[in-house]
Amino acid sequence: MNRFVVIGLGRFGNKLAIALSMSGAEVIAIDRDRKVVDEIMDHVAQAVRLDSTDEEALRSQGVDKVDAAIVGMGQGGRTFESAIMTVVNLKTIGVKKIYARAQSITSGQVFLAVGATEIIYPEIETAHRWAYRLIAPHIGDKIDFAPGYSLASLETPAVFDGKTVMELELRQKYKVNLVAIRRMTEGQEKRDKKAEIINVPLPSTIINAGDILMVAGSDKDLARLPQEQFGR
């Protein structure tokens, strides 16, 4: 079982700790505020009120044995100083993966300089996701695998219906690759439908209305795919 510590139980830290716990991870939730610690106690393996700038206090709760630590503390004034000291302490006690929440690129660079292994930018990332969602509403779930490049789902555009993969020329026209196709098929009973995954689409594979296409490419190129879908 993965073991995490989430330090700082504001809106971000609270939701993250609960989500990790619901996913089956063992979570230690830490904050200075007794009230927020009491509120999350029933949702995580361990909830503790302590000062994370105290290295020995962290050791006493087994924080040195976690798989990863997430520092979700606020960024204002002394709180930012405490967050920096917390990252330093986590590095000192041997935590190998330290994720720090930052509100700006500058604060993220500070966290990296003192030992954080990766920076989380909730506000910036949310803004980018919404911008892309507004620009490319036809693109469904999206998994980023490199800056500016994603694996995304796309409901078959009307202009793709009945064409083969070769005829679509996705690489030549849009610079994207078709990775897989999710197709709903009828079972023995018409009302019983099941999903068929075509994980190696061939040049001769025909695209049907209702297919969900898994495509990979740059975010810019994915946004250029046809938007007109059936019944819309």
C-alpha atoms as a PDB file:
ATOM      1  CA  MET A   1       0.000   0.000   0.000  1.00  0.00           C
ATOM      2  CA  ASN A   2       1.281   3.455  -0.896  1.00  0.00           C
ATOM      3  CA  ARG A   3       1.852   5.752   2.054  1.00  0.00           C
ATOM      4  CA  PHE A   4       1.602   9.519   1.774  1.00  0.00           C
ATOM      5  CA  VAL A   5       1.771  12.492   4.075  1.00  0.00           C
ATOM      6  CA  VAL A   6      -0.207  15.627   3.227  1.00  0.00           C
ATOM      7  CA  ILE A   7       0.957  18.687   5.152  1.00  0.00           C
ATOM      8  CA  GLY A   8      -1.371  21.681   5.124  1.00  0.00           C
ATOM      9  CA  LEU A   9      -5.087  20.929   5.115  1.00  0.00           C
ATOM     10  CA  GLY A  10      -6.557  23.911   3.323  1.00  0.00           C
ATOM     11  CA  ARG A  11      -8.981  23.296   0.454  1.00  0.00           C
ATOM     12  CA  PHE A  12      -6.310  21.739  -1.755  1.00  0.00           C
ATOM     13  CA  GLY A  13      -4.647  19.606   0.922  1.00  0.00           C
ATOM     14  CA  ASN A  14      -7.940  18.453   2.417  1.00  0.00           C
ATOM     15  CA  LYS A  15      -9.392  17.289  -0.896  1.00  0.00           C
ATOM     16  CA  LEU A  16      -6.122  15.673  -1.957  1.00  0.00           C
ATOM     17  CA  ALA A  17      -5.746  13.754   1.309  1.00  0.00           C
ATOM     18  CA  ILE A  18      -9.307  12.422   1.114  1.00  0.00           C
ATOM     19  CA  ALA A  19      -8.959  11.512  -2.575  1.00  0.00           C
ATOM     20  CA  LEU A  20      -5.736   9.587  -1.899  1.00  0.00           C
ATOM     21  CA  SER A  21      -7.353   7.781   0.997  1.00  0.00           C
ATOM     22  CA  MET A  22     -10.420   6.863  -1.072  1.00  0.00           C
ATOM     23  CA  SER A  23      -8.051   5.451  -3.702  1.00  0.00           C
ATOM     24  CA  GLY A  24      -6.699   2.987  -1.153  1.00  0.00           C
ATOM     25  CA  ALA A  25      -3.574   4.788   0.018  1.00  0.00           C
ATOM     26  CA  GLU A  26      -2.516   5.177   3.637  1.00  0.00           C
ATOM     27  CA  VAL A  27      -2.544   8.886   4.373  1.00  0.00           C
ATOM     28  CA  ILE A  28      -1.095  10.901   7.237  1.00  0.00           C
ATOM     29  CA  ALA A  29      -2.787  14.319   7.303  1.00  0.00           C
ATOM     30  CA  ILE A  30      -0.960  17.109   9.157  1.00  0.00           C
ATOM     31  CA  ASP A  31      -1.884  20.665  10.041  1.00  0.00           C
ATOM     32  CA  ARG A  32      -1.368  23.147  12.887  1.00  0.00           C
ATOM     33  CA  ASP A  33      -5.096  23.837  13.150  1.00  0.00           C
ATOM     34  CA  ARG A  34      -6.856  21.446  15.512  1.00  0.00           C
ATOM     35  CA  LYS A  35     -10.229  22.104  13.875  1.00  0.00           C
ATOM     36  CA  VAL A  36      -9.226  20.996  10.363  1.00  0.00           C
ATOM     37  CA  VAL A  37      -7.382  17.988  11.794  1.00  0.00           C
ATOM     38  CA  ASP A  38     -10.520  16.898  13.670  1.00  0.00           C
ATOM     39  CA  GLU A  39     -12.648  17.345  10.550  1.00  0.00           C
ATOM     40  CA  ILE A  40     -10.512  15.029   8.423  1.00  0.00           C
ATOM     41  CA  MET A  41      -9.772  12.438  11.102  1.00  0.00           C
ATOM     42  CA  ASP A  42     -12.440   9.958   9.988  1.00  0.00           C
ATOM     43  CA  HIS A  43     -11.350  10.105   6.348  1.00  0.00           C
ATOM     44  CA  VAL A  44      -7.651   9.232   6.584  1.00  0.00           C
ATOM     45  CA  ALA A  45      -5.473   6.669   8.342  1.00  0.00           C
ATOM     46  CA  GLN A  46      -3.901   9.232  10.647  1.00  0.00           C
ATOM     47  CA  ALA A  47      -4.602  12.928  11.326  1.00  0.00           C
ATOM     48  CA  VAL A  48      -2.144  14.852  13.459  1.00  0.00           C
ATOM     49  CA  ARG A  49      -1.849  18.402  14.752  1.00  0.00           C
ATOM     50  CA  LEU A  50       1.801  19.402  14.763  1.00  0.00           C
ATOM     51  CA  ASP A  51       4.326  21.976  13.586  1.00  0.00           C
ATOM     52  CA  SER A  52       5.898  20.649  10.395  1.00  0.00           C
ATOM     53  CA  THR A  53       8.912  22.930  10.852  1.00  0.00           C
ATOM     54  CA  ASP A  54       9.857  20.633  13.756  1.00  0.00           C
ATOM     55  CA  GLU A  55      11.968  17.849  12.269  1.00  0.00           C
ATOM     56  CA  GLU A  56      11.656  15.554  15.282  1.00  0.00           C
ATOM     57  CA  ALA A  57       7.873  15.966  15.337  1.00  0.00           C
ATOM     58  CA  LEU A  58       7.745  14.704  11.761  1.00  0.00           C
ATOM     59  CA  ARG A  59       9.928  11.709  12.609  1.00  0.00           C
ATOM     60  CA  SER A  60       7.729  10.874  15.586  1.00  0.00           C
ATOM     61  CA  GLN A  61       4.748  10.351  13.255  1.00  0.00           C
ATOM     62  CA  GLY A  62       6.657   8.127  10.837  1.00  0.00           C
ATOM     63  CA  VAL A  63       6.831  10.756   8.119  1.00  0.00           C
ATOM     64  CA  ASP A  64      10.379   9.625   7.299  1.00  0.00           C
ATOM     65  CA  LYS A  65       8.895   6.295   6.120  1.00  0.00           C
ATOM     66  CA  VAL A  66       6.319   7.600   3.626  1.00  0.00           C
ATOM     67  CA  ASP A  67       6.582   7.021  -0.120  1.00  0.00           C
ATOM     68  CA  ALA A  68       5.888  10.674  -0.891  1.00  0.00           C
ATOM     69  CA  ALA A  69       5.060  13.938   0.850  1.00  0.00           C
ATOM     70  CA  ILE A  70       2.803  16.697  -0.413  1.00  0.00           C
ATOM     71  CA  VAL A  71       3.279  20.160   1.073  1.00  0.00           C
ATOM     72  CA  GLY A  72       0.014  21.987   0.464  1.00  0.00           C
ATOM     73  CA  MET A  73       0.501  24.901   2.843  1.00  0.00           C
ATOM     74  CA  GLY A  74      -0.484  28.481   2.022  1.00  0.00           C
ATOM     75  CA  GLN A  75       1.930  30.951   0.462  1.00  0.00           C
ATOM     76  CA  GLY A  76       1.417  34.145   2.461  1.00  0.00           C
ATOM     77  CA  GLY A  77       4.067  35.680   4.743  1.00  0.00           C
ATOM     78  CA  ARG A  78       5.260  33.392   7.511  1.00  0.00           C
ATOM     79  CA  THR A  79       3.259  30.500   6.100  1.00  0.00           C
ATOM     80  CA  PHE A  80       5.484  30.513   3.030  1.00  0.00           C
ATOM     81  CA  GLU A  81       8.567  30.456   5.272  1.00  0.00           C
ATOM     82  CA  SER A  82       7.073  27.508   7.155  1.00  0.00           C
ATOM     83  CA  ALA A  83       6.402  25.696   3.876  1.00  0.00           C
ATOM     84  CA  ILE A  84      10.035  26.175   2.845  1.00  0.00           C
ATOM     85  CA  MET A  85      11.272  24.858   6.197  1.00  0.00           C
ATOM     86  CA  THR A  86       8.896  21.909   5.886  1.00  0.00           C
ATOM     87  CA  VAL A  87      10.375  20.957   2.507  1.00  0.00           C
ATOM     88  CA  VAL A  88      13.886  21.268   3.980  1.00  0.00           C
ATOM     89  CA  ASN A  89      12.924  19.020   6.904  1.00  0.00           C
ATOM     90  CA  LEU A  90      11.340  16.411   4.645  1.00  0.00           C
ATOM     91  CA  LYS A  91      14.511  16.337   2.561  1.00  0.00           C
ATOM     92  CA  THR A  92      16.648  16.044   5.713  1.00  0.00           C
ATOM     93  CA  ILE A  93      14.730  13.078   7.133  1.00  0.00           C
ATOM     94  CA  GLY A  94      15.046  11.204   3.847  1.00  0.00           C
ATOM     95  CA  VAL A  95      11.687  11.544   2.079  1.00  0.00           C
ATOM     96  CA  LYS A  96      12.554  10.809  -1.550  1.00  0.00           C
ATOM     97  CA  LYS A  97       9.542  12.367  -3.288  1.00  0.00           C
ATOM     98  CA  ILE A  98       8.454  15.809  -2.135  1.00  0.00           C
ATOM     99  CA  TYR A  99       5.665  17.610  -3.985  1.00  0.00           C
ATOM    100  CA  ALA A 100       5.145  21.267  -3.072  1.00  0.00           C
ATOM    101  CA  ARG A 101       2.094  23.354  -3.926  1.00  0.00           C
ATOM    102  CA  ALA A 102       3.032  26.759  -5.308  1.00  0.00           C
ATOM    103  CA  GLN A 103       0.945  29.722  -6.386  1.00  0.00           C
ATOM    104  CA  SER A 104       3.551  31.162  -8.735  1.00  0.00           C
ATOM    105  CA  ILE A 105       6.516  30.082 -10.832  1.00  0.00           C
ATOM    106  CA  THR A 106       8.838  32.061  -8.538  1.00  0.00           C
ATOM    107  CA  SER A 107       7.691  30.287  -5.367  1.00  0.00           C
ATOM    108  CA  GLY A 108       7.946  26.979  -7.220  1.00  0.00           C
ATOM    109  CA  GLN A 109      11.574  27.704  -8.068  1.00  0.00           C
ATOM    110  CA  VAL A 110      12.266  28.415  -4.400  1.00  0.00           C
ATOM    111  CA  PHE A 111      10.783  25.050  -3.394  1.00  0.00           C
ATOM    112  CA  LEU A 112      12.887  23.261  -6.006  1.00  0.00           C
ATOM    113  CA  ALA A 113      16.003  25.026  -4.743  1.00  0.00           C
ATOM    114  CA  VAL A 114      15.464  23.774  -1.174  1.00  0.00           C
ATOM    115  CA  GLY A 115      14.718  20.170  -2.075  1.00  0.00           C
ATOM    116  CA  ALA A 116      11.260  19.674  -3.594  1.00  0.00           C
ATOM    117  CA  THR A 117      11.277  17.080  -6.383  1.00  0.00           C
ATOM    118  CA  GLU A 118       8.193  18.384  -8.186  1.00  0.00           C
ATOM    119  CA  ILE A 119       5.921  21.426  -8.032  1.00  0.00           C
ATOM    120  CA  ILE A 120       2.131  21.439  -8.122  1.00  0.00           C
ATOM    121  CA  TYR A 121       0.516  24.570  -9.554  1.00  0.00           C
ATOM    122  CA  PRO A 122      -3.238  24.053  -8.916  1.00  0.00           C
ATOM    123  CA  GLU A 123      -4.345  27.516  -9.970  1.00  0.00           C
ATOM    124  CA  ILE A 124      -2.171  27.626 -13.097  1.00  0.00           C
ATOM    125  CA  GLU A 125      -3.033  24.065 -14.126  1.00  0.00           C
ATOM    126  CA  THR A 126      -6.765  24.647 -13.619  1.00  0.00           C
ATOM    127  CA  ALA A 127      -6.610  27.786 -15.764  1.00  0.00           C
ATOM    128  CA  HIS A 128      -4.804  25.901 -18.532  1.00  0.00           C
ATOM    129  CA  ARG A 129      -7.304  23.016 -18.425  1.00  0.00           C
ATOM    130  CA  TRP A 130     -10.259  25.396 -18.678  1.00  0.00           C
ATOM    131  CA  ALA A 131      -8.653  27.365 -21.476  1.00  0.00           C
ATOM    132  CA  TYR A 132      -8.174  24.157 -23.474  1.00  0.00           C
ATOM    133  CA  ARG A 133     -11.683  22.958 -22.638  1.00  0.00           C
ATOM    134  CA  LEU A 134     -13.137  26.212 -23.977  1.00  0.00           C
ATOM    135  CA  ILE A 135     -10.969  26.211 -27.096  1.00  0.00           C
ATOM    136  CA  ALA A 136     -11.441  22.491 -27.855  1.00  0.00           C
ATOM    137  CA  PRO A 137     -14.792  21.371 -26.351  1.00  0.00           C
ATOM    138  CA  HIS A 138     -14.843  18.321 -28.656  1.00  0.00           C
ATOM    139  CA  ILE A 139     -11.834  16.818 -26.864  1.00  0.00           C
ATOM    140  CA  GLY A 140     -12.848  14.649 -23.921  1.00  0.00           C
ATOM    141  CA  ASP A 141     -10.648  13.178 -21.206  1.00  0.00           C
ATOM    142  CA  LYS A 142      -7.024  14.166 -21.665  1.00  0.00           C
ATOM    143  CA  ILE A 143      -3.847  12.729 -20.138  1.00  0.00           C
ATOM    144  CA  ASP A 144      -0.741  14.890 -20.369  1.00  0.00           C
ATOM    145  CA  PHE A 145       2.388  12.792 -20.969  1.00  0.00           C
ATOM    146  CA  ALA A 146       4.786  15.671 -21.757  1.00  0.00           C
ATOM    147  CA  PRO A 147       4.509  19.452 -21.738  1.00  0.00           C
ATOM    148  CA  GLY A 148       2.130  20.351 -24.563  1.00  0.00           C
ATOM    149  CA  TYR A 149       1.466  16.726 -25.592  1.00  0.00           C
ATOM    150  CA  SER A 150      -1.471  14.552 -24.584  1.00  0.00           C
ATOM    151  CA  LEU A 151      -3.419  11.350 -25.044  1.00  0.00           C
ATOM    152  CA  ALA A 152      -7.070  12.311 -25.447  1.00  0.00           C
ATOM    153  CA  SER A 153     -10.472  10.827 -26.197  1.00  0.00           C
ATOM    154  CA  LEU A 154     -12.549  12.102 -29.092  1.00  0.00           C
ATOM    155  CA  GLU A 155     -16.077  11.152 -30.042  1.00  0.00           C
ATOM    156  CA  THR A 156     -16.097  10.298 -33.744  1.00  0.00           C
ATOM    157  CA  PRO A 157     -16.686  13.493 -35.768  1.00  0.00           C
ATOM    158  CA  ALA A 158     -19.453  13.230 -38.355  1.00  0.00           C
ATOM    159  CA  VAL A 159     -16.956  13.617 -41.213  1.00  0.00           C
ATOM    160  CA  PHE A 160     -15.055  10.509 -40.030  1.00  0.00           C
ATOM    161  CA  ASP A 161     -18.068   8.156 -40.162  1.00  0.00           C
ATOM    162  CA  GLY A 162     -17.668   5.236 -42.544  1.00  0.00           C
ATOM    163  CA  LYS A 163     -14.074   6.025 -43.458  1.00  0.00           C
ATOM    164  CA  THR A 164     -11.107   3.750 -42.955  1.00  0.00           C
ATOM    165  CA  VAL A 165      -8.108   4.762 -40.869  1.00  0.00           C
ATOM    166  CA  MET A 166      -6.093   5.047 -44.091  1.00  0.00           C
ATOM    167  CA  GLU A 167      -8.671   7.367 -45.655  1.00  0.00           C
ATOM    168  CA  LEU A 168      -8.661   9.674 -42.623  1.00  0.00           C
ATOM    169  CA  GLU A 169      -4.923  10.354 -42.990  1.00  0.00           C
ATOM    170  CA  LEU A 170      -4.744  11.581 -39.387  1.00  0.00           C
ATOM    171  CA  ARG A 171      -0.963  11.864 -39.373  1.00  0.00           C
ATOM    172  CA  GLN A 172      -0.763  13.691 -42.674  1.00  0.00           C
ATOM    173  CA  LYS A 173      -3.693  16.076 -42.128  1.00  0.00           C
ATOM    174  CA  TYR A 174      -3.651  16.670 -38.372  1.00  0.00           C
ATOM    175  CA  LYS A 175      -0.270  15.349 -37.148  1.00  0.00           C
ATOM    176  CA  VAL A 176      -1.952  13.087 -34.562  1.00  0.00           C
ATOM    177  CA  ASN A 177      -1.806   9.327 -34.075  1.00  0.00           C
ATOM    178  CA  LEU A 178      -4.775   6.998 -33.569  1.00  0.00           C
ATOM    179  CA  VAL A 179      -3.887   4.765 -30.609  1.00  0.00           C
ATOM    180  CA  ALA A 180      -7.094   2.805 -29.982  1.00  0.00           C
ATOM    181  CA  ILE A 181     -10.848   2.719 -30.622  1.00  0.00           C
ATOM    182  CA  ARG A 182     -13.573   2.094 -28.041  1.00  0.00           C
ATOM    183  CA  ARG A 183     -16.690   0.728 -29.740  1.00  0.00           C
ATOM    184  CA  MET A 184     -20.014  -0.148 -28.160  1.00  0.00           C
ATOM    185  CA  THR A 185     -21.455  -3.414 -29.504  1.00  0.00           C
ATOM    186  CA  GLU A 186     -24.751  -5.174 -28.863  1.00  0.00           C
ATOM    187  CA  GLY A 187     -24.764  -8.372 -26.866  1.00  0.00           C
ATOM    188  CA  GLN A 188     -27.227 -11.263 -27.189  1.00  0.00           C
ATOM    189  CA  GLU A 189     -29.982  -8.909 -26.090  1.00  0.00           C
ATOM    190  CA  LYS A 190     -30.215  -5.602 -27.980  1.00  0.00           C
ATOM    191  CA  ARG A 191     -30.420  -3.712 -24.715  1.00  0.00           C
ATOM    192  CA  ASP A 192     -27.189  -5.320 -23.524  1.00  0.00           C
ATOM    193  CA  LYS A 193     -24.264  -3.334 -24.830  1.00  0.00           C
ATOM    194  CA  LYS A 194     -20.614  -3.874 -24.145  1.00  0.00           C
ATOM    195  CA  ALA A 195     -17.466  -2.011 -25.014  1.00  0.00           C
ATOM    196  CA  GLU A 196     -15.037  -3.488 -27.518  1.00  0.00           C
ATOM    197  CA  ILE A 197     -11.493  -2.121 -27.514  1.00  0.00           C
ATOM    198  CA  ILE A 198      -9.652  -2.111 -30.819  1.00  0.00           C
ATOM    199  CA  ASN A 199      -6.142  -1.548 -29.500  1.00  0.00           C
ATOM    200  CA  VAL A 200      -4.344  -1.950 -32.826  1.00  0.00           C
ATOM    201  CA  PRO A 201      -6.385  -0.094 -35.464  1.00  0.00           C
ATOM    202  CA  LEU A 202      -5.367  -1.228 -38.940  1.00  0.00           C
ATOM    203  CA  PRO A 203      -5.311   0.954 -42.068  1.00  0.00           C
ATOM    204  CA  SER A 204      -8.454  -0.932 -43.203  1.00  0.00           C
ATOM    205  CA  THR A 205     -10.334  -0.451 -39.892  1.00  0.00           C
ATOM    206  CA  ILE A 206     -13.578   1.453 -40.494  1.00  0.00           C
ATOM    207  CA  ILE A 207     -14.554   4.253 -38.114  1.00  0.00           C
ATOM    208  CA  ASN A 208     -18.215   4.239 -37.058  1.00  0.00           C
ATOM    209  CA  ALA A 209     -20.517   6.832 -35.544  1.00  0.00           C
ATOM    210  CA  GLY A 210     -20.400   6.523 -31.751  1.00  0.00           C
ATOM    211  CA  ASP A 211     -16.818   5.270 -31.650  1.00  0.00           C
ATOM    212  CA  ILE A 212     -14.544   6.883 -29.092  1.00  0.00           C
ATOM    213  CA  LEU A 213     -11.129   7.499 -30.597  1.00  0.00           C
ATOM    214  CA  MET A 214      -8.009   7.624 -28.451  1.00  0.00           C
ATOM    215  CA  VAL A 215      -5.592   9.970 -30.167  1.00  0.00           C
ATOM    216  CA  ALA A 216      -2.152  11.285 -29.244  1.00  0.00           C
ATOM    217  CA  GLY A 217      -0.392  14.431 -30.317  1.00  0.00           C
ATOM    218  CA  SER A 218       0.357  18.005 -29.400  1.00  0.00           C
ATOM    219  CA  ASP A 219      -2.441  19.916 -27.679  1.00  0.00           C
ATOM    220  CA  LYS A 220      -2.401  22.394 -30.552  1.00  0.00           C
ATOM    221  CA  ASP A 221      -2.874  19.670 -33.168  1.00  0.00           C
ATOM    222  CA  LEU A 222      -5.542  17.856 -31.143  1.00  0.00           C
ATOM    223  CA  ALA A 223      -7.554  21.087 -30.998  1.00  0.00           C
ATOM    224  CA  ARG A 224      -7.511  21.193 -34.825  1.00  0.00           C
ATOM    225  CA  LEU A 225      -9.456  17.926 -35.167  1.00  0.00           C
ATOM    226  CA  PRO A 226     -13.008  18.326 -36.574  1.00  0.00           C
ATOM    227  CA  GLN A 227     -15.522  19.476 -33.963  1.00  0.00           C
ATOM    228  CA  GLU A 228     -18.821  18.632 -35.661  1.00  0.00           C
ATOM    229  CA  GLN A 229     -20.282  15.537 -34.017  1.00  0.00           C
ATOM    230  CA  PHE A 230     -23.495  13.590 -34.528  1.00  0.00           C
ATOM    231  CA  GLY A 231     -26.665  15.201 -33.224  1.00  0.00           C
ATOM    232  CA  ARG A 232     -24.916  18.473 -32.231  1.00  0.00           C
END
